[in-house]
Protein backbone atom coordinates (compact mmCIF):
# COMPACT_ATOMS: atom_id res chain seq x y z
CA MET A 1 23.93 -9.27 -77.57
CA ASP A 2 22.02 -8.47 -80.56
CA ASP A 3 20.69 -4.77 -78.58
CA PRO A 4 23.30 -1.48 -80.16
CA VAL A 5 22.59 0.38 -77.61
CA THR A 6 22.84 -2.08 -74.64
CA ARG A 7 26.48 -3.55 -76.11
CA PHE A 8 27.53 0.14 -76.90
CA LEU A 9 26.82 0.99 -72.89
CA ILE A 10 28.23 -2.00 -71.65
CA ASP A 11 31.18 -1.98 -74.62
CA ASN A 12 31.88 1.90 -73.17
CA VAL A 13 29.54 3.35 -70.04
CA PHE A 14 30.09 0.46 -68.53
CA GLN A 15 33.78 -0.18 -68.58
CA SER A 16 34.89 3.57 -68.60
CA ASP A 17 32.98 3.18 -64.88
CA VAL A 18 34.63 0.72 -64.06
CA ARG A 19 38.02 2.45 -64.95
CA SER A 20 37.98 5.51 -63.52
CA TRP A 21 39.62 7.10 -61.06
CA GLY A 22 36.27 7.08 -58.61
CA ILE A 23 33.19 9.38 -58.02
CA LEU A 24 32.18 12.27 -56.22
CA VAL A 25 28.98 11.23 -53.95
CA ASN A 26 26.74 14.06 -53.02
CA SER A 27 27.02 13.18 -49.13
CA PHE A 28 28.41 13.09 -46.22
CA ALA A 29 30.17 10.34 -43.83
CA ALA A 30 28.21 10.86 -41.08
CA LEU A 31 25.10 9.07 -43.30
CA ASP A 32 26.86 7.17 -45.64
CA GLY A 33 31.01 6.50 -44.73
CA ASP A 34 29.72 3.04 -43.84
CA TYR A 35 28.79 2.51 -47.99
CA VAL A 36 32.69 4.45 -49.91
CA ALA A 37 34.41 1.02 -48.84
CA PRO A 38 31.75 -1.26 -51.16
CA VAL A 39 31.10 1.37 -53.48
CA GLU A 40 35.17 1.90 -54.01
CA ALA A 41 35.48 -1.97 -54.12
CA PHE A 42 33.32 -1.95 -57.55
CA TYR A 43 36.13 0.04 -59.66
CA GLU A 44 39.77 -0.99 -59.92
CA GLN A 45 42.52 -1.43 -57.60
CA GLY A 46 43.18 2.86 -55.89
CA ALA A 47 39.96 4.22 -57.17
CA ARG A 48 37.81 6.37 -54.56
CA ALA A 49 34.69 7.41 -53.85
CA TRP A 50 34.99 11.19 -52.60
CA LEU A 51 31.71 12.15 -50.31
CA VAL A 52 31.30 15.96 -51.26
CA GLY A 53 28.20 16.47 -49.69
CA PRO A 54 26.09 17.96 -48.62
CA LEU A 55 25.40 20.11 -52.02
CA LEU A 56 22.25 22.19 -52.24
CA PRO A 57 21.88 24.75 -55.24
CA ALA A 58 23.46 28.07 -55.15
CA ALA A 59 21.54 30.99 -54.21
CA GLY A 60 19.95 32.24 -57.32
CA GLU A 61 19.64 29.06 -59.09
CA THR A 62 16.04 28.53 -57.62
CA PRO A 63 13.71 29.60 -60.68
CA GLU A 64 10.90 31.85 -59.75
CA ARG A 65 8.13 29.25 -58.06
CA ASP A 66 4.19 29.13 -59.40
CA GLU A 67 3.17 28.27 -55.98
CA GLU A 68 -0.32 26.97 -57.30
CA ASN A 69 1.23 24.58 -59.52
CA ASP A 70 4.38 23.79 -57.63
CA ASP A 71 2.94 23.37 -54.46
CA PRO A 72 -0.63 21.77 -55.06
CA GLU A 73 -0.57 20.01 -51.89
CA GLY A 74 0.11 23.35 -49.63
CA CYS A 75 3.44 22.18 -48.20
CA LEU A 76 5.58 25.27 -48.18
CA ALA A 77 1.89 27.37 -46.74
CA TRP A 78 1.86 24.45 -43.88
CA LEU A 79 5.29 25.27 -43.50
CA ASP A 80 4.67 28.45 -43.66
CA GLU A 81 2.41 27.96 -40.36
CA ARG A 82 4.91 26.15 -39.01
CA ALA A 83 7.46 28.95 -38.90
CA ALA A 84 5.76 31.11 -36.06
CA ARG A 85 5.99 28.00 -33.84
CA PRO A 86 9.56 26.55 -31.41
CA GLY A 87 11.04 23.47 -33.15
CA SER A 88 11.74 22.17 -36.11
CA VAL A 89 9.73 19.84 -38.80
CA VAL A 90 10.63 16.12 -38.95
CA TYR A 91 11.03 15.36 -43.10
CA VAL A 92 10.44 11.93 -44.03
CA SER A 93 10.88 10.26 -47.36
CA PHE A 94 12.38 7.40 -49.27
CA GLY A 95 11.88 8.95 -52.96
CA THR A 96 10.57 7.50 -55.93
CA GLN A 97 12.45 4.19 -56.18
CA ALA A 98 12.06 3.23 -52.63
CA HIS A 99 9.84 0.45 -51.73
CA VAL A 100 8.14 0.52 -48.77
CA ALA A 101 5.19 -1.94 -47.43
CA ASP A 102 2.20 -0.91 -46.45
CA GLU A 103 2.29 -2.11 -42.55
CA GLN A 104 6.20 -0.30 -42.50
CA LEU A 105 4.39 2.67 -43.49
CA ASP A 106 1.96 1.60 -40.52
CA GLU A 107 5.00 1.87 -38.16
CA LEU A 108 5.93 5.08 -38.91
CA ALA A 109 3.60 6.35 -39.03
CA ARG A 110 2.43 5.13 -35.15
CA GLY A 111 6.06 6.65 -34.57
CA LEU A 112 5.82 10.11 -35.89
CA VAL A 113 2.19 10.59 -34.51
CA GLN A 114 3.71 9.43 -30.57
CA SER A 115 6.97 11.23 -31.30
CA GLY A 116 4.73 14.53 -30.84
CA HIS A 117 7.10 16.07 -33.23
CA PRO A 118 5.24 17.92 -36.53
CA PHE A 119 6.33 15.72 -39.67
CA LEU A 120 5.94 16.59 -43.46
CA TRP A 121 5.92 13.20 -44.84
CA ALA A 122 6.17 12.02 -48.76
CA VAL A 123 4.15 8.90 -49.60
CA ARG A 124 4.04 7.25 -52.38
CA SER A 125 1.70 4.30 -52.45
CA ASN A 126 -1.91 4.80 -53.37
CA THR A 127 -3.47 2.49 -51.34
CA TRP A 128 -2.36 2.86 -47.90
CA SER A 129 -4.08 4.34 -45.31
CA PRO A 130 -2.83 5.48 -41.94
CA PRO A 131 -3.27 3.84 -39.33
CA VAL A 132 -3.70 6.45 -36.62
CA ASP A 133 -5.20 10.32 -36.80
CA VAL A 134 -3.20 12.82 -37.79
CA GLY A 135 -4.28 16.31 -36.67
CA PRO A 136 -3.37 19.29 -39.22
CA ASP A 137 -1.00 20.69 -36.10
CA GLN A 138 0.56 17.87 -35.66
CA GLY A 139 1.43 16.49 -39.17
CA ARG A 140 1.70 16.47 -42.86
CA ILE A 141 1.23 13.25 -44.95
CA VAL A 142 1.20 14.34 -48.51
CA ARG A 143 0.48 12.12 -51.80
CA GLY A 144 1.53 14.18 -54.64
CA TRP A 145 4.97 15.86 -55.82
CA VAL A 146 7.09 18.30 -52.70
CA PRO A 147 8.81 21.05 -53.29
CA GLN A 148 11.78 19.85 -52.15
CA ALA A 149 13.92 22.81 -53.58
CA ALA A 150 11.78 24.58 -52.39
CA MET A 151 11.36 23.49 -48.85
CA SER A 152 15.03 23.39 -48.23
CA ALA A 153 16.01 27.25 -49.72
CA VAL A 154 16.41 29.30 -46.64
CA SER A 155 14.05 31.98 -47.00
CA ASP A 156 11.82 34.97 -44.98
CA GLY A 157 9.58 32.30 -44.31
CA GLY A 158 11.29 31.04 -40.97
CA THR A 159 12.77 28.91 -39.30
CA SER A 160 11.14 25.87 -39.74
CA ARG A 161 12.63 26.29 -43.70
CA VAL A 162 15.64 27.06 -42.46
CA ALA A 163 15.63 24.00 -39.75
CA LEU A 164 14.57 21.26 -42.66
CA GLN A 165 17.09 23.00 -45.12
CA LYS A 166 19.21 20.52 -43.59
CA LEU A 167 17.16 17.38 -42.93
CA VAL A 168 16.15 17.61 -46.59
CA GLY A 169 19.67 17.95 -48.05
CA GLU A 170 20.93 15.29 -45.63
CA LEU A 171 17.82 12.82 -46.41
CA GLN A 172 17.46 13.74 -50.16
CA ARG A 173 21.38 12.66 -51.09
CA SER A 174 20.45 9.07 -49.03
CA TYR A 175 17.97 8.16 -51.59
CA ASP A 176 19.37 10.66 -54.74
CA ASP A 177 23.00 10.54 -54.80
CA VAL A 178 24.18 12.41 -57.48
CA VAL A 179 27.21 10.72 -59.64
CA ILE A 180 29.77 12.62 -60.80
CA LYS A 181 32.48 10.77 -63.26
CA VAL A 182 36.05 11.83 -62.61
CA GLY A 183 39.50 10.72 -65.13
């Protein structure tokens, strides 16, 4: 390898990672418990993967929001409308790194609509179109950015955001694990 950055990463960062005592993972056993042993096997004998989540930002750490710029799709307003109704909202997002085929998106759309539960779904595909009609009271499909931190913040907006706090945290952690090196 002639590239000095790649050589540095392999010789120093990668090797330090493998030789560390383990990692802290922002997840919990009910969600990712089956993956602890494979993660630990990546490290040297005796290393651990500690599931320490779900960790959410501390109260007061969320900056003031500019709803027009921070929420161009109107997700928060839609959730506020749902707050007056009984029940919670299902939040669906596969993050930015997962590729989901159009056929799988079709099946998920049908299932969400047939479930009868209100849902907010962040879709990253620019080519996919829902195969079923989704009414504004039933669900919301968002093509752009979703303000997850603001959605999961406990507010006076109502029970929909409170219920979403747990679900957003669990789902987000399964795709965006925060890894902190120990040792």
